[in-house]
N, C-alpha and C. Protein backbone atom coordinates (compact mmCIF):
# COMPACT_ATOMS: atom_id res chain seq x y z
N MET A 1 -23.87 15.17 9.28
CA MET A 1 -23.33 13.96 9.10
C MET A 1 -21.86 13.82 10.05
N LEU A 2 -21.88 12.85 10.77
CA LEU A 2 -20.83 12.49 11.53
C LEU A 2 -19.75 11.84 10.55
N VAL A 3 -18.51 12.18 10.47
CA VAL A 3 -17.30 11.48 9.85
C VAL A 3 -16.49 11.03 10.51
N LEU A 4 -16.11 9.49 10.33
CA LEU A 4 -15.30 8.83 11.09
C LEU A 4 -14.37 8.14 10.03
N SER A 5 -13.06 7.98 10.61
CA SER A 5 -11.98 7.39 9.65
C SER A 5 -11.69 6.02 9.75
N CYS A 6 -11.41 5.55 8.60
CA CYS A 6 -10.90 4.05 8.63
C CYS A 6 -9.50 4.08 8.93
N ASP A 7 -8.84 4.85 9.54
CA ASP A 7 -7.39 4.66 9.76
C ASP A 7 -7.53 3.49 10.50
N PRO A 8 -6.26 2.64 10.50
CA PRO A 8 -6.10 1.62 11.34
C PRO A 8 -6.28 1.64 12.63
N SER A 9 -5.91 2.58 13.41
CA SER A 9 -5.78 2.98 14.70
C SER A 9 -7.12 3.35 15.30
N GLU A 10 -8.01 3.69 14.55
CA GLU A 10 -9.35 3.80 14.90
C GLU A 10 -10.52 3.09 14.40
N ARG A 11 -10.06 2.17 13.21
CA ARG A 11 -11.02 1.60 12.33
C ARG A 11 -12.11 0.77 13.00
N TRP A 12 -11.72 -0.10 13.85
CA TRP A 12 -12.84 -1.04 14.13
C TRP A 12 -13.68 -0.42 15.41
N LYS A 13 -13.21 0.46 16.12
CA LYS A 13 -14.13 1.46 16.94
C LYS A 13 -15.02 1.87 16.13
N ASN A 14 -14.54 2.60 15.15
CA ASN A 14 -15.52 3.51 14.07
C ASN A 14 -16.51 2.63 13.35
N VAL A 15 -16.27 1.33 13.09
CA VAL A 15 -16.95 0.41 12.21
C VAL A 15 -17.84 -0.05 13.53
N ALA A 16 -17.80 -0.15 14.63
CA ALA A 16 -18.62 -0.82 15.89
C ALA A 16 -19.57 0.58 15.76
N ARG A 17 -19.16 1.70 15.95
CA ARG A 17 -20.21 3.21 15.95
C ARG A 17 -21.13 3.00 14.85
N ALA A 18 -20.62 2.67 13.43
CA ALA A 18 -21.36 3.00 12.60
C ALA A 18 -22.48 1.74 12.42
N ALA A 19 -22.15 0.55 12.91
CA ALA A 19 -23.17 -0.70 13.03
C ALA A 19 -23.99 -0.31 13.95
N GLU A 20 -23.68 0.53 15.07
CA GLU A 20 -24.69 0.99 16.18
C GLU A 20 -25.85 2.15 15.56
N THR A 21 -25.21 2.77 14.44
CA THR A 21 -25.99 3.71 13.93
C THR A 21 -27.10 3.23 13.03
N LEU A 22 -26.64 1.76 12.31
CA LEU A 22 -27.45 1.15 11.49
C LEU A 22 -28.45 0.62 12.24
N LYS A 23 -28.23 0.06 13.34
CA LYS A 23 -29.17 -0.61 14.51
C LYS A 23 -30.42 0.31 14.87
N LYS A 24 -30.12 1.80 14.98
CA LYS A 24 -30.71 2.68 15.11
C LYS A 24 -31.81 3.19 14.13
N GLY A 25 -31.47 2.64 13.21
CA GLY A 25 -32.53 2.88 11.67
C GLY A 25 -31.54 4.13 10.98
N GLY A 26 -30.47 4.28 11.22
CA GLY A 26 -29.60 5.45 10.41
C GLY A 26 -29.13 4.77 9.13
N VAL A 27 -28.79 5.82 8.29
CA VAL A 27 -28.25 5.79 6.93
C VAL A 27 -26.79 5.98 6.94
N ILE A 28 -25.80 5.38 6.35
CA ILE A 28 -24.44 5.63 6.45
C ILE A 28 -23.74 5.30 5.23
N VAL A 29 -22.68 6.02 4.83
CA VAL A 29 -21.93 5.91 3.72
C VAL A 29 -20.43 5.09 4.26
N TYR A 30 -20.15 4.21 3.35
CA TYR A 30 -18.99 3.28 3.68
C TYR A 30 -18.17 2.93 2.47
N PRO A 31 -16.91 2.79 2.55
CA PRO A 31 -16.28 2.25 1.62
C PRO A 31 -16.35 0.88 0.96
N THR A 32 -16.28 0.48 -0.26
CA THR A 32 -16.38 -0.92 -0.51
C THR A 32 -15.03 -1.39 -1.54
N ASP A 33 -15.03 -2.28 -1.95
CA ASP A 33 -14.10 -2.60 -2.94
C ASP A 33 -14.15 -2.17 -4.44
N THR A 34 -15.24 -1.27 -4.46
CA THR A 34 -15.37 -0.53 -5.77
C THR A 34 -15.56 1.00 -5.28
N VAL A 35 -16.74 1.58 -5.40
CA VAL A 35 -16.99 2.76 -4.98
C VAL A 35 -17.41 2.88 -3.62
N TYR A 36 -17.68 4.20 -3.11
CA TYR A 36 -18.29 4.43 -1.76
C TYR A 36 -19.73 3.97 -1.78
N GLY A 37 -20.39 3.28 -0.72
CA GLY A 37 -21.53 2.64 -0.98
C GLY A 37 -22.62 3.51 0.22
N MET A 38 -23.73 3.62 0.13
CA MET A 38 -24.54 4.22 0.88
C MET A 38 -25.66 2.93 1.33
N GLY A 39 -25.96 2.97 2.65
CA GLY A 39 -26.65 1.64 3.00
C GLY A 39 -27.35 2.00 4.31
N CYS A 40 -28.11 0.89 4.81
CA CYS A 40 -28.97 0.94 5.90
C CYS A 40 -29.40 -0.51 6.26
N ASP A 41 -29.97 -0.85 7.46
CA ASP A 41 -30.33 -2.21 7.83
C ASP A 41 -31.42 -2.48 6.66
N LEU A 42 -31.22 -3.73 6.15
CA LEU A 42 -32.09 -4.34 5.34
C LEU A 42 -33.66 -4.57 5.80
N LEU A 43 -33.75 -4.61 7.03
CA LEU A 43 -35.00 -4.84 7.77
C LEU A 43 -35.69 -3.76 8.14
N ASN A 44 -35.04 -2.54 7.85
CA ASN A 44 -35.61 -1.27 8.20
C ASN A 44 -36.20 -0.51 7.20
N LYS A 45 -37.66 -0.62 7.00
CA LYS A 45 -38.32 -0.06 6.00
C LYS A 45 -38.13 1.36 5.72
N ARG A 46 -38.21 2.14 6.85
CA ARG A 46 -38.13 3.68 7.08
C ARG A 46 -36.77 4.20 6.72
N ALA A 47 -35.74 3.33 6.91
CA ALA A 47 -34.43 3.71 6.57
C ALA A 47 -34.12 3.70 5.27
N ILE A 48 -34.67 2.48 4.53
CA ILE A 48 -34.59 2.17 3.05
C ILE A 48 -35.30 3.50 2.36
N GLU A 49 -36.51 3.93 2.80
CA GLU A 49 -37.31 4.95 2.00
C GLU A 49 -36.23 6.46 2.31
N LYS A 50 -35.58 6.61 3.18
CA LYS A 50 -34.65 7.50 3.22
C LYS A 50 -33.56 7.55 2.03
N ILE A 51 -33.04 6.33 1.99
CA ILE A 51 -32.14 6.12 0.91
C ILE A 51 -32.62 6.74 -0.56
N TYR A 52 -33.97 6.09 -0.91
CA TYR A 52 -34.40 6.67 -1.97
C TYR A 52 -34.62 7.95 -2.09
N GLN A 53 -34.78 8.60 -0.97
CA GLN A 53 -35.02 10.29 -1.02
C GLN A 53 -33.59 10.96 -1.11
N TYR A 54 -32.66 10.49 -0.35
CA TYR A 54 -31.37 11.19 -0.66
C TYR A 54 -30.82 10.94 -1.83
N LYS A 55 -31.01 9.80 -2.56
CA LYS A 55 -30.59 9.58 -4.01
C LYS A 55 -31.43 9.99 -5.21
N LYS A 56 -32.66 10.44 -4.50
CA LYS A 56 -33.52 10.82 -5.78
C LYS A 56 -33.82 9.59 -6.83
N MET A 57 -34.01 8.61 -6.09
CA MET A 57 -34.18 7.37 -7.07
C MET A 57 -35.60 6.99 -6.98
N PRO A 58 -36.10 6.64 -8.18
CA PRO A 58 -37.55 6.11 -8.49
C PRO A 58 -37.64 4.82 -7.57
N ARG A 59 -39.02 4.73 -7.01
CA ARG A 59 -39.11 3.56 -6.17
C ARG A 59 -39.08 2.40 -7.04
N GLN A 60 -39.43 2.42 -8.14
CA GLN A 60 -39.50 0.97 -8.97
C GLN A 60 -38.13 0.70 -9.25
N LYS A 61 -36.96 1.31 -9.00
CA LYS A 61 -35.67 0.73 -9.05
C LYS A 61 -34.87 0.10 -7.92
N PRO A 62 -35.02 -1.14 -8.03
CA PRO A 62 -34.66 -1.88 -6.42
C PRO A 62 -33.21 -1.64 -6.17
N LEU A 63 -32.74 -1.64 -4.84
CA LEU A 63 -31.36 -1.46 -4.11
C LEU A 63 -30.89 -3.03 -4.06
N SER A 64 -29.74 -2.86 -4.15
CA SER A 64 -29.15 -4.22 -3.73
C SER A 64 -28.64 -4.16 -2.31
N PHE A 65 -28.06 -5.21 -1.57
CA PHE A 65 -27.84 -5.38 -0.28
C PHE A 65 -26.46 -6.54 -0.37
N ILE A 66 -25.95 -6.10 0.75
CA ILE A 66 -24.48 -7.02 1.14
C ILE A 66 -24.71 -8.03 1.95
N CYS A 67 -24.14 -9.00 1.80
CA CYS A 67 -24.19 -10.34 2.73
C CYS A 67 -22.77 -10.57 3.16
N SER A 68 -22.67 -11.01 4.16
CA SER A 68 -21.33 -11.55 4.85
C SER A 68 -20.73 -12.79 3.93
N ASP A 69 -21.34 -13.70 3.68
CA ASP A 69 -21.06 -14.97 3.18
C ASP A 69 -21.85 -15.56 2.36
N MET A 70 -21.62 -16.80 1.65
CA MET A 70 -22.38 -17.37 0.72
C MET A 70 -23.65 -18.03 1.77
N THR A 71 -23.27 -18.41 2.92
CA THR A 71 -24.41 -18.92 3.78
C THR A 71 -25.60 -17.86 3.96
N GLN A 72 -25.15 -16.77 4.11
CA GLN A 72 -26.24 -15.49 4.34
C GLN A 72 -26.88 -15.36 2.93
N VAL A 73 -26.01 -15.31 1.81
CA VAL A 73 -26.62 -15.20 0.41
C VAL A 73 -27.77 -16.16 0.35
N SER A 74 -27.49 -17.42 0.64
CA SER A 74 -28.67 -18.53 0.46
C SER A 74 -29.87 -18.24 1.19
N GLU A 75 -29.75 -17.35 2.28
CA GLU A 75 -30.72 -17.29 3.21
C GLU A 75 -31.93 -16.33 2.43
N TYR A 76 -31.35 -15.30 1.80
CA TYR A 76 -32.02 -14.31 1.01
C TYR A 76 -32.35 -14.40 -0.44
N ALA A 77 -31.89 -15.53 -1.07
CA ALA A 77 -31.96 -15.99 -2.21
C ALA A 77 -31.95 -17.31 -2.67
N GLN A 78 -32.47 -17.63 -3.79
CA GLN A 78 -32.53 -18.88 -4.44
C GLN A 78 -31.19 -19.14 -5.18
N VAL A 79 -30.41 -19.89 -4.81
CA VAL A 79 -28.97 -19.92 -5.62
C VAL A 79 -28.89 -21.48 -6.07
N SER A 80 -28.78 -21.62 -7.25
CA SER A 80 -28.64 -22.96 -8.04
C SER A 80 -27.44 -23.35 -7.79
N ASN A 81 -27.34 -24.85 -8.01
CA ASN A 81 -25.75 -25.39 -7.78
C ASN A 81 -24.87 -24.72 -8.73
N SER A 82 -25.08 -24.58 -10.00
CA SER A 82 -24.17 -24.03 -10.75
C SER A 82 -23.70 -22.40 -10.44
N ALA A 83 -24.87 -21.79 -9.94
CA ALA A 83 -24.52 -20.58 -9.60
C ALA A 83 -23.79 -20.39 -8.26
N PHE A 84 -24.02 -21.35 -7.30
CA PHE A 84 -23.13 -21.50 -6.09
C PHE A 84 -21.70 -21.98 -6.50
N LYS A 85 -21.47 -22.49 -7.25
CA LYS A 85 -19.97 -23.10 -7.61
C LYS A 85 -19.37 -21.70 -8.09
N LEU A 86 -19.81 -21.17 -8.94
CA LEU A 86 -19.39 -19.88 -9.65
C LEU A 86 -19.14 -18.70 -8.62
N MET A 87 -20.10 -18.60 -7.65
CA MET A 87 -20.17 -17.30 -6.70
C MET A 87 -18.91 -17.81 -5.91
N LYS A 88 -18.77 -19.01 -5.56
CA LYS A 88 -17.84 -19.34 -4.29
C LYS A 88 -16.57 -18.97 -5.19
N ARG A 89 -16.17 -19.04 -6.41
CA ARG A 89 -14.99 -18.77 -6.79
C ARG A 89 -14.95 -17.07 -6.94
N LEU A 90 -15.94 -16.37 -7.15
CA LEU A 90 -15.88 -14.89 -7.49
C LEU A 90 -15.88 -14.44 -6.12
N LEU A 91 -16.23 -14.87 -5.13
CA LEU A 91 -16.50 -14.03 -3.96
C LEU A 91 -15.71 -14.27 -2.67
N PRO A 92 -15.38 -13.39 -1.71
CA PRO A 92 -15.96 -11.93 -1.98
C PRO A 92 -14.89 -11.24 -3.06
N GLY A 93 -15.75 -10.16 -3.69
CA GLY A 93 -15.23 -9.56 -4.73
C GLY A 93 -16.10 -8.67 -5.53
N PRO A 94 -15.67 -7.75 -6.50
CA PRO A 94 -16.42 -6.67 -7.00
C PRO A 94 -17.38 -7.26 -8.04
N PHE A 95 -18.39 -8.01 -7.50
CA PHE A 95 -19.51 -8.42 -8.26
C PHE A 95 -20.93 -8.29 -7.69
N THR A 96 -21.83 -8.00 -8.22
CA THR A 96 -23.47 -8.12 -7.91
C THR A 96 -24.10 -9.00 -8.54
N PHE A 97 -24.66 -9.86 -7.79
CA PHE A 97 -25.29 -10.96 -8.46
C PHE A 97 -26.91 -10.92 -8.44
N ILE A 98 -27.83 -10.90 -9.66
CA ILE A 98 -29.00 -10.80 -9.65
C ILE A 98 -29.53 -12.28 -9.42
N LEU A 99 -30.20 -12.48 -8.49
CA LEU A 99 -30.85 -13.82 -8.02
C LEU A 99 -32.47 -13.58 -7.53
N GLN A 100 -32.99 -15.06 -7.57
CA GLN A 100 -34.56 -14.81 -7.30
C GLN A 100 -34.43 -14.75 -5.80
N ALA A 101 -35.35 -13.87 -5.39
CA ALA A 101 -35.51 -13.50 -3.67
C ALA A 101 -36.25 -14.59 -3.15
N SER A 102 -35.77 -14.63 -2.00
CA SER A 102 -36.57 -15.78 -0.75
C SER A 102 -37.45 -15.13 -0.18
N ARG A 103 -38.26 -15.44 0.52
CA ARG A 103 -39.44 -14.84 1.42
C ARG A 103 -38.78 -14.00 2.51
N GLU A 104 -37.36 -14.05 2.77
CA GLU A 104 -36.79 -13.21 3.79
C GLU A 104 -36.62 -12.01 3.38
N VAL A 105 -36.64 -11.33 2.05
CA VAL A 105 -36.45 -10.44 1.43
C VAL A 105 -37.43 -9.32 1.83
N PRO A 106 -37.60 -8.19 2.26
CA PRO A 106 -38.48 -7.33 2.32
C PRO A 106 -39.15 -6.85 1.04
N LYS A 107 -40.50 -6.67 0.92
CA LYS A 107 -40.72 -6.43 -0.49
C LYS A 107 -40.38 -5.29 -1.08
N VAL A 108 -40.03 -4.10 -0.27
CA VAL A 108 -39.53 -2.93 -0.86
C VAL A 108 -38.10 -3.13 -1.65
N MET A 109 -37.62 -4.15 -1.37
CA MET A 109 -36.46 -4.53 -2.10
C MET A 109 -36.46 -5.58 -3.23
N VAL A 110 -37.63 -6.01 -3.37
CA VAL A 110 -37.87 -7.09 -4.41
C VAL A 110 -38.15 -6.33 -5.79
N SER A 111 -37.75 -6.66 -6.85
CA SER A 111 -38.07 -6.21 -8.20
C SER A 111 -39.49 -7.08 -8.55
N LYS A 112 -39.88 -6.14 -9.80
CA LYS A 112 -41.17 -7.07 -10.32
C LYS A 112 -41.05 -8.27 -10.60
N GLN A 113 -39.82 -8.67 -11.15
CA GLN A 113 -39.38 -10.11 -11.60
C GLN A 113 -39.09 -10.78 -10.26
N HIS A 114 -39.39 -10.25 -9.09
CA HIS A 114 -39.01 -10.86 -7.76
C HIS A 114 -37.43 -11.54 -7.49
N THR A 115 -36.78 -10.59 -8.08
CA THR A 115 -35.32 -10.68 -7.92
C THR A 115 -34.62 -9.88 -7.10
N VAL A 116 -33.53 -9.97 -6.80
CA VAL A 116 -32.47 -8.98 -5.74
C VAL A 116 -31.18 -9.23 -6.32
N GLY A 117 -30.41 -8.02 -5.98
CA GLY A 117 -29.03 -7.78 -6.38
C GLY A 117 -28.39 -7.95 -5.11
N ILE A 118 -27.32 -8.87 -4.99
CA ILE A 118 -26.59 -9.25 -3.76
C ILE A 118 -25.19 -9.12 -3.99
N ARG A 119 -24.34 -8.60 -2.84
CA ARG A 119 -22.89 -8.49 -3.01
C ARG A 119 -22.47 -8.96 -1.99
N VAL A 120 -21.03 -9.51 -2.08
CA VAL A 120 -20.20 -10.01 -0.89
C VAL A 120 -18.86 -9.17 -1.36
N PRO A 121 -18.72 -8.07 -1.03
CA PRO A 121 -17.45 -7.21 -1.22
C PRO A 121 -16.13 -7.80 -0.71
N ASP A 122 -15.20 -7.61 -1.42
CA ASP A 122 -13.67 -7.91 -0.57
C ASP A 122 -13.20 -6.79 0.00
N HIS A 123 -14.01 -6.27 0.91
CA HIS A 123 -13.67 -5.34 2.02
C HIS A 123 -14.09 -5.46 3.32
N ASP A 124 -13.01 -5.49 4.41
CA ASP A 124 -13.28 -5.97 5.57
C ASP A 124 -14.30 -5.09 6.41
N VAL A 125 -14.40 -3.66 6.05
CA VAL A 125 -15.32 -2.89 6.72
C VAL A 125 -16.87 -3.17 6.29
N CYS A 126 -17.00 -3.65 5.12
CA CYS A 126 -18.46 -3.97 4.75
C CYS A 126 -18.78 -5.18 5.54
N LEU A 127 -17.95 -6.17 5.37
CA LEU A 127 -18.18 -7.52 6.13
C LEU A 127 -18.53 -7.71 7.37
N GLU A 128 -17.53 -6.37 8.09
CA GLU A 128 -17.73 -6.40 9.47
C GLU A 128 -19.01 -5.66 10.09
N LEU A 129 -19.55 -4.75 9.08
CA LEU A 129 -20.59 -3.98 9.52
C LEU A 129 -21.83 -5.02 9.41
N VAL A 130 -21.90 -5.85 8.45
CA VAL A 130 -22.98 -6.80 8.36
C VAL A 130 -22.91 -7.80 9.50
N ASN A 131 -21.67 -8.14 9.84
CA ASN A 131 -21.67 -9.19 11.06
C ASN A 131 -22.08 -8.54 12.35
N LEU A 132 -21.72 -7.21 12.46
CA LEU A 132 -22.15 -6.50 13.74
C LEU A 132 -23.44 -6.11 13.64
N LEU A 133 -24.15 -5.76 12.51
CA LEU A 133 -25.59 -5.59 12.43
C LEU A 133 -26.34 -6.68 12.57
N GLY A 134 -25.81 -7.86 12.28
CA GLY A 134 -26.55 -9.21 12.21
C GLY A 134 -27.73 -9.43 11.01
N ASN A 135 -27.80 -8.40 10.18
CA ASN A 135 -28.79 -8.39 8.90
C ASN A 135 -27.84 -7.83 7.54
N PRO A 136 -28.15 -8.35 6.58
CA PRO A 136 -27.60 -7.89 5.52
C PRO A 136 -27.56 -6.21 5.34
N LEU A 137 -26.59 -5.67 4.59
CA LEU A 137 -26.88 -4.05 4.62
C LEU A 137 -27.10 -3.82 3.29
N VAL A 138 -28.13 -2.76 3.10
CA VAL A 138 -28.65 -2.39 1.95
C VAL A 138 -27.39 -1.51 1.19
N ASN A 139 -27.42 -1.89 0.04
CA ASN A 139 -26.01 -1.21 -0.86
C ASN A 139 -26.56 -0.35 -2.01
N THR A 140 -26.08 0.94 -2.08
CA THR A 140 -26.14 1.62 -3.40
C THR A 140 -25.04 2.60 -3.34
N SER A 141 -24.46 2.88 -4.64
CA SER A 141 -23.34 3.53 -4.83
C SER A 141 -23.51 5.10 -4.40
N ALA A 142 -22.70 5.47 -3.71
CA ALA A 142 -22.86 7.04 -3.31
C ALA A 142 -22.76 8.02 -4.03
N HIS A 143 -23.56 8.22 -5.01
CA HIS A 143 -23.57 9.18 -6.31
C HIS A 143 -24.85 9.27 -6.71
N THR A 144 -25.21 10.24 -7.53
CA THR A 144 -26.72 10.53 -7.93
C THR A 144 -26.63 10.26 -9.60
N SER A 145 -25.48 10.33 -10.08
CA SER A 145 -25.30 10.08 -11.45
C SER A 145 -24.64 9.05 -12.02
N LEU A 146 -24.96 8.28 -12.82
CA LEU A 146 -23.82 7.10 -13.57
C LEU A 146 -22.91 7.60 -14.50
N GLU A 147 -23.18 8.89 -14.94
CA GLU A 147 -22.21 9.51 -15.89
C GLU A 147 -21.05 9.99 -14.95
N GLU A 148 -21.28 10.51 -13.52
CA GLU A 148 -20.41 11.03 -12.75
C GLU A 148 -20.30 10.31 -11.58
N ILE A 149 -19.33 9.30 -11.46
CA ILE A 149 -19.40 8.72 -10.07
C ILE A 149 -18.15 9.26 -9.16
N VAL A 150 -18.98 9.73 -7.97
CA VAL A 150 -18.04 10.57 -6.95
C VAL A 150 -17.12 9.60 -6.17
N SER A 151 -15.98 9.56 -5.94
CA SER A 151 -15.13 8.72 -5.07
C SER A 151 -14.61 9.64 -3.95
N ASN A 152 -14.80 11.24 -3.86
CA ASN A 152 -13.92 11.78 -3.11
C ASN A 152 -14.86 12.16 -1.93
N PRO A 153 -14.52 11.68 -0.96
CA PRO A 153 -15.24 11.69 0.50
C PRO A 153 -15.71 13.06 0.65
N GLU A 154 -15.17 14.03 0.31
CA GLU A 154 -15.62 15.78 0.69
C GLU A 154 -16.80 15.94 -0.24
N THR A 155 -16.67 15.62 -1.31
CA THR A 155 -17.66 15.81 -2.49
C THR A 155 -19.11 15.01 -1.91
N ILE A 156 -18.74 13.82 -1.53
CA ILE A 156 -20.00 12.96 -0.88
C ILE A 156 -20.54 13.55 0.22
N GLN A 157 -19.71 14.14 1.19
CA GLN A 157 -20.37 14.75 2.45
C GLN A 157 -21.02 15.65 2.12
N GLU A 158 -20.54 16.69 1.12
CA GLU A 158 -21.75 17.93 0.73
C GLU A 158 -22.82 17.43 0.00
N GLU A 159 -22.80 16.37 -0.81
CA GLU A 159 -23.93 15.92 -1.83
C GLU A 159 -25.01 15.42 -0.64
N PHE A 160 -24.21 14.42 0.24
CA PHE A 160 -25.47 13.88 1.02
C PHE A 160 -25.15 13.95 2.41
N HIS A 161 -25.42 15.34 2.76
CA HIS A 161 -25.20 15.90 4.36
C HIS A 161 -26.33 15.23 5.35
N LEU A 162 -27.12 14.87 4.47
CA LEU A 162 -28.37 14.37 5.50
C LEU A 162 -28.06 12.98 6.03
N VAL A 163 -27.08 12.29 5.41
CA VAL A 163 -26.79 10.86 5.73
C VAL A 163 -26.14 10.99 7.32
N ASP A 164 -26.57 10.13 8.10
CA ASP A 164 -26.05 10.07 9.52
C ASP A 164 -24.82 9.94 9.82
N LEU A 165 -23.92 9.17 9.11
CA LEU A 165 -22.48 8.85 9.35
C LEU A 165 -21.74 8.40 8.12
N MET A 166 -20.45 8.93 8.07
CA MET A 166 -19.63 8.39 7.03
C MET A 166 -18.42 7.79 7.40
N LEU A 167 -18.08 6.68 6.92
CA LEU A 167 -16.68 6.08 7.06
C LEU A 167 -15.82 6.43 6.16
N THR A 168 -14.86 7.01 6.27
CA THR A 168 -13.93 7.50 5.18
C THR A 168 -12.68 6.84 5.17
N ASP A 169 -12.28 6.46 3.78
CA ASP A 169 -11.01 5.73 3.36
C ASP A 169 -10.33 6.38 2.51
N GLY A 170 -10.30 7.65 2.18
CA GLY A 170 -9.61 8.37 1.26
C GLY A 170 -10.19 8.24 -0.03
N MET A 171 -9.62 8.79 -1.30
CA MET A 171 -10.24 8.55 -2.45
C MET A 171 -10.30 6.95 -2.96
N LEU A 172 -11.61 6.62 -3.60
CA LEU A 172 -11.72 5.19 -3.75
C LEU A 172 -11.55 5.23 -5.58
N GLN A 173 -11.71 4.13 -6.12
CA GLN A 173 -11.56 3.86 -7.48
C GLN A 173 -13.22 4.68 -8.07
N THR A 174 -13.24 4.67 -9.24
CA THR A 174 -14.60 5.21 -9.84
C THR A 174 -15.19 4.09 -10.82
N GLU A 175 -14.71 2.70 -10.42
CA GLU A 175 -15.40 1.57 -11.29
C GLU A 175 -16.32 0.96 -10.33
N LEU A 176 -17.57 0.82 -11.15
CA LEU A 176 -18.80 0.04 -10.18
C LEU A 176 -18.31 -1.38 -10.18
N SER A 177 -19.22 -2.10 -9.51
CA SER A 177 -19.10 -3.68 -9.58
C SER A 177 -19.66 -4.40 -11.08
N THR A 178 -19.27 -5.37 -11.21
CA THR A 178 -19.65 -6.04 -12.49
C THR A 178 -21.26 -6.89 -12.20
N ILE A 179 -21.97 -6.73 -12.88
CA ILE A 179 -23.47 -7.33 -12.59
C ILE A 179 -23.69 -8.58 -13.46
N ILE A 180 -23.98 -9.64 -12.76
CA ILE A 180 -24.42 -11.03 -13.34
C ILE A 180 -25.54 -11.48 -13.07
N ASP A 181 -26.72 -11.82 -13.88
CA ASP A 181 -27.85 -12.21 -13.85
C ASP A 181 -27.85 -13.69 -13.91
N PHE A 182 -28.17 -14.38 -12.60
CA PHE A 182 -28.16 -15.61 -12.38
C PHE A 182 -29.64 -16.29 -12.22
N THR A 183 -30.66 -15.60 -12.81
CA THR A 183 -31.90 -16.16 -12.79
C THR A 183 -32.32 -17.15 -13.93
N GLY A 184 -31.38 -17.31 -14.77
CA GLY A 184 -31.83 -18.25 -15.95
C GLY A 184 -30.83 -19.40 -15.87
N ASP A 185 -30.81 -20.11 -16.77
CA ASP A 185 -29.84 -21.39 -16.75
C ASP A 185 -28.56 -21.18 -16.86
N GLU A 186 -28.07 -20.01 -17.71
CA GLU A 186 -26.71 -19.53 -17.64
C GLU A 186 -26.46 -18.03 -17.34
N PRO A 187 -25.20 -17.64 -16.84
CA PRO A 187 -25.19 -16.49 -16.20
C PRO A 187 -25.02 -15.66 -17.39
N VAL A 188 -25.72 -14.43 -17.06
CA VAL A 188 -25.66 -13.38 -18.17
C VAL A 188 -25.03 -12.18 -17.52
N LEU A 189 -24.22 -11.64 -18.30
CA LEU A 189 -23.25 -10.36 -17.82
C LEU A 189 -24.03 -9.24 -18.44
N VAL A 190 -24.61 -8.39 -17.37
CA VAL A 190 -25.47 -7.43 -17.27
C VAL A 190 -24.76 -5.93 -17.23
N ARG A 191 -23.58 -6.04 -16.63
CA ARG A 191 -22.91 -4.66 -16.71
C ARG A 191 -21.22 -5.30 -16.47
N GLN A 192 -20.42 -4.69 -17.23
CA GLN A 192 -19.12 -4.78 -16.91
C GLN A 192 -18.63 -3.72 -16.12
N GLY A 193 -18.06 -4.22 -15.00
CA GLY A 193 -17.18 -3.28 -14.23
C GLY A 193 -15.94 -3.84 -13.88
N LYS A 194 -15.64 -3.62 -12.48
CA LYS A 194 -14.37 -3.83 -11.92
C LYS A 194 -14.19 -5.51 -12.09
N GLY A 195 -14.97 -6.30 -11.87
CA GLY A 195 -14.87 -7.75 -11.63
C GLY A 195 -14.73 -8.44 -13.15
N GLU A 196 -13.78 -9.18 -13.17
CA GLU A 196 -13.55 -9.92 -14.32
C GLU A 196 -14.21 -11.36 -14.36
N LEU A 197 -15.15 -11.52 -15.26
CA LEU A 197 -15.74 -12.79 -15.17
C LEU A 197 -15.24 -13.97 -16.17
N THR A 198 -14.94 -13.62 -17.42
CA THR A 198 -14.72 -14.29 -18.46
C THR A 198 -13.81 -15.68 -17.98
N ALA A 199 -12.60 -15.44 -17.18
CA ALA A 199 -11.82 -16.32 -16.90
C ALA A 199 -12.34 -17.50 -16.26
N HIS A 200 -13.49 -17.02 -15.45
CA HIS A 200 -13.95 -18.07 -14.46
C HIS A 200 -14.94 -18.90 -15.12
N LEU A 201 -15.47 -18.62 -16.44
CA LEU A 201 -16.52 -19.27 -17.03
C LEU A 201 -15.80 -20.38 -18.20
N ARG A 202 -14.46 -20.70 -18.10
CA ARG A 202 -13.71 -21.63 -18.78
C ARG A 202 -13.64 -23.00 -17.84
């Protein structure tokens, strides 16, 4: 694993190198506005398979992905008018939205219900990676157990040493994103995480 810093003096040079790793089919670890994420190019099936192997995840458990903005979200998911309005208020931020997938999403990323989980984090590194890659970035938290979420870069490096590259930004929070299901008529809170939803529903 190549470890690169998100220190301001090296940040964008290292982010560009991470994007090149993604374009070549690599898997990387990167900071988000919640915990460290692990990801790859959404359109690279082989790289997606690597993530399942590294995390020891069952194939039937779908991964989420990161988009750069609402325009890109609309390319990969069906977004109703009510969902669009609420998402515009909440994003970028620590939320994952469950939406009906569009035909642009690879089958390996779609659940049995034909849904996908999409994020637009409030973190410049994530958004710049997506912009440089030109495709959404597969996203899963860089840990193997929900009971013990690791935010220590050194621990992540030991546990996921097969990953090609890691962008480090020090210790991060141990709080996951809030998950909201937008596949029905009304938004449903699936998991309460860092993002606060109630104030925006009034």
